[in-house]
Amino acid sequence: MIVAALAIFTVLSFWFFIYMPGKTLSTILTTLSIVGVIVSSWFIVVNWKDHYGMKQETVTTTKFIYPTSASEQMSPLVYQPIGSSNKHQVYVYRTSADAKKTVHTQADAATKNKVVVTADRPYLEVKTTRWVYKSGAAKFWFASQPK
């Protein structure tokens, strides 16, 4: 919506400057619409650069996991580090003790996977951090597609 406001202020400033009869009224309305263009542009840049009107929200989910091998002597936890700095890992596990297929975690910038091993059994802790709008007004003005 902020982009639409920028377009409207731009068209209005052109129309007021070119087609408005009366020099004084034309100057006042043109000045106000140019101020609208500047303010809209500033909010677009601040939202793009600093996520104005948004906040980070972290959602943590945990679930018990089972090893990939059914062997009683060994219960391996299989993971693959992603990248050279080993900041992200993809874990391979089963969702139940009798599951035939294995599943794996996702590795992306918003998700952090961590396996915690307790005395009884391990569980997977997945923390997902996303940007969300602070209010309905921020969503109205800055959402790229209104819903």
Protein backbone atom coordinates (compact mmCIF):
# COMPACT_ATOMS: atom_id res chain seq x y z
CA MET A 1 0.00 0.00 0.00
CA ILE A 2 2.91 2.34 0.67
CA VAL A 3 4.01 1.93 -2.96
CA ALA A 4 0.47 2.81 -4.07
CA ALA A 5 0.58 5.90 -1.83
CA LEU A 6 3.90 6.89 -3.44
CA ALA A 7 2.39 6.52 -6.92
CA ILE A 8 -0.73 8.50 -5.95
CA PHE A 9 1.30 11.34 -4.42
CA THR A 10 3.52 11.44 -7.52
CA VAL A 11 0.55 11.67 -9.91
CA LEU A 12 -1.15 14.27 -7.71
CA SER A 13 1.95 16.44 -7.53
CA PHE A 14 2.22 16.39 -11.33
CA TRP A 15 -1.50 17.14 -11.77
CA PHE A 16 -1.50 19.95 -9.18
CA PHE A 17 1.60 21.54 -10.71
CA ILE A 18 0.51 21.34 -14.36
CA TYR A 19 -3.28 21.41 -14.48
CA MET A 20 -4.48 23.17 -11.32
CA PRO A 21 -5.85 26.64 -11.94
CA GLY A 22 -4.88 29.29 -9.38
CA LYS A 23 -1.23 29.83 -8.59
CA THR A 24 -1.52 29.87 -4.77
CA LEU A 25 -3.69 26.76 -4.44
CA SER A 26 -1.54 24.95 -7.02
CA THR A 27 1.65 25.73 -5.09
CA ILE A 28 0.20 24.64 -1.73
CA LEU A 29 -1.23 21.36 -3.04
CA THR A 30 1.91 20.59 -5.06
CA THR A 31 4.06 21.16 -1.97
CA LEU A 32 1.86 18.90 0.15
CA SER A 33 1.91 16.12 -2.43
CA ILE A 34 5.71 16.36 -2.79
CA VAL A 35 5.98 16.06 1.00
CA GLY A 36 3.82 12.93 0.67
CA VAL A 37 6.23 11.57 -1.97
CA ILE A 38 9.22 12.22 0.30
CA VAL A 39 7.57 10.69 3.39
CA SER A 40 6.40 7.61 1.45
CA SER A 41 9.87 7.15 -0.03
CA TRP A 42 11.46 7.47 3.41
CA PHE A 43 9.13 4.82 4.91
CA ILE A 44 9.84 2.46 1.99
CA VAL A 45 13.60 2.77 2.51
CA VAL A 46 13.38 2.40 6.30
CA ASN A 47 11.17 -0.68 5.97
CA TRP A 48 13.52 -2.21 3.43
CA LYS A 49 16.68 -1.45 5.40
CA ASP A 50 15.63 -1.76 9.06
CA HIS A 51 12.40 -3.82 8.89
CA TYR A 52 10.33 -0.88 10.12
CA GLY A 53 6.98 -2.09 11.49
CA MET A 54 8.26 -5.64 12.03
CA LYS A 55 9.68 -7.74 14.83
CA GLN A 56 11.42 -11.08 15.03
CA GLU A 57 9.40 -13.97 16.39
CA THR A 58 10.99 -17.25 17.41
CA VAL A 59 8.97 -20.46 17.54
CA THR A 60 10.50 -23.49 19.28
CA THR A 61 9.22 -27.00 18.67
CA THR A 62 10.51 -30.21 20.22
CA LYS A 63 9.91 -33.81 19.29
CA PHE A 64 11.40 -37.10 20.38
CA ILE A 65 13.60 -38.80 17.80
CA TYR A 66 14.79 -42.34 17.29
CA PRO A 67 18.11 -43.51 15.84
CA THR A 68 18.39 -44.53 12.21
CA SER A 69 19.55 -48.04 13.12
CA ALA A 70 17.44 -50.58 14.96
CA SER A 71 20.54 -52.10 16.54
CA GLU A 72 20.44 -52.46 20.32
CA GLN A 73 24.22 -52.16 20.69
CA MET A 74 24.54 -48.93 18.81
CA SER A 75 22.16 -46.01 18.40
CA PRO A 76 23.79 -43.66 15.92
CA LEU A 77 22.75 -40.10 15.42
CA VAL A 78 23.39 -39.21 11.81
CA TYR A 79 23.97 -35.61 10.78
CA GLN A 80 25.61 -33.73 7.96
CA PRO A 81 27.19 -30.32 8.53
CA ILE A 82 26.23 -27.72 5.93
CA GLY A 83 28.96 -25.31 4.86
CA SER A 84 32.53 -25.03 6.09
CA SER A 85 31.76 -23.22 9.36
CA ASN A 86 29.45 -25.99 10.66
CA LYS A 87 26.75 -23.52 11.73
CA HIS A 88 23.89 -25.64 10.36
CA GLN A 89 23.41 -29.38 10.52
CA VAL A 90 20.93 -31.67 8.83
CA TYR A 91 19.92 -34.50 11.15
CA VAL A 92 18.60 -37.83 9.88
CA TYR A 93 16.31 -39.71 12.26
CA ARG A 94 13.18 -41.85 12.54
CA THR A 95 9.93 -40.54 14.00
CA SER A 96 9.12 -43.75 15.89
CA ALA A 97 10.97 -46.89 16.96
CA ASP A 98 9.25 -49.06 14.35
CA ALA A 99 9.28 -46.54 11.46
CA LYS A 100 10.76 -47.91 8.23
CA LYS A 101 11.62 -44.56 6.62
CA THR A 102 13.94 -41.92 7.94
CA VAL A 103 13.24 -38.20 7.84
CA HIS A 104 15.60 -35.24 7.95
CA THR A 105 15.60 -31.68 9.19
CA GLN A 106 15.71 -28.61 7.00
CA ALA A 107 18.72 -26.31 6.91
CA ASP A 108 17.95 -22.69 6.14
CA ALA A 109 18.76 -19.26 7.51
CA ALA A 110 15.59 -19.04 9.63
CA THR A 111 15.86 -22.45 11.31
CA LYS A 112 18.32 -23.69 13.91
CA ASN A 113 18.32 -27.43 14.69
CA LYS A 114 19.72 -28.85 17.92
CA VAL A 115 19.61 -32.38 19.29
CA VAL A 116 19.43 -32.62 23.07
CA VAL A 117 20.27 -35.96 24.66
CA THR A 118 18.79 -36.60 28.08
CA ALA A 119 19.18 -39.67 30.29
CA ASP A 120 16.22 -41.46 28.76
CA ARG A 121 16.14 -40.47 25.07
CA PRO A 122 17.14 -37.74 22.65
CA TYR A 123 14.85 -35.09 21.29
CA LEU A 124 15.14 -32.59 18.49
CA GLU A 125 14.70 -28.90 19.26
CA VAL A 126 13.92 -26.74 16.22
CA LYS A 127 13.99 -22.95 16.60
CA THR A 128 12.53 -20.99 13.71
CA THR A 129 12.95 -17.21 13.65
CA ARG A 130 10.83 -15.16 11.25
CA TRP A 131 9.96 -11.51 10.73
CA VAL A 132 6.31 -10.70 11.53
CA TYR A 133 4.38 -7.45 11.44
CA LYS A 134 3.99 -5.60 14.75
CA SER A 135 0.44 -4.49 14.06
CA GLY A 136 -2.36 -4.60 11.54
CA ALA A 137 -1.51 -1.08 10.40
CA ALA A 138 2.09 -2.08 9.63
CA LYS A 139 0.84 -5.09 7.70
CA PHE A 140 -1.62 -2.89 5.78
CA TRP A 141 1.08 -0.39 4.76
CA PHE A 142 4.08 -2.66 4.17
CA ALA A 143 2.76 -6.08 3.16
CA SER A 144 3.61 -6.80 -0.45
CA GLN A 145 0.36 -8.70 -0.95
CA PRO A 146 -2.61 -7.79 1.23
CA LYS A 147 -4.53 -10.73 2.74
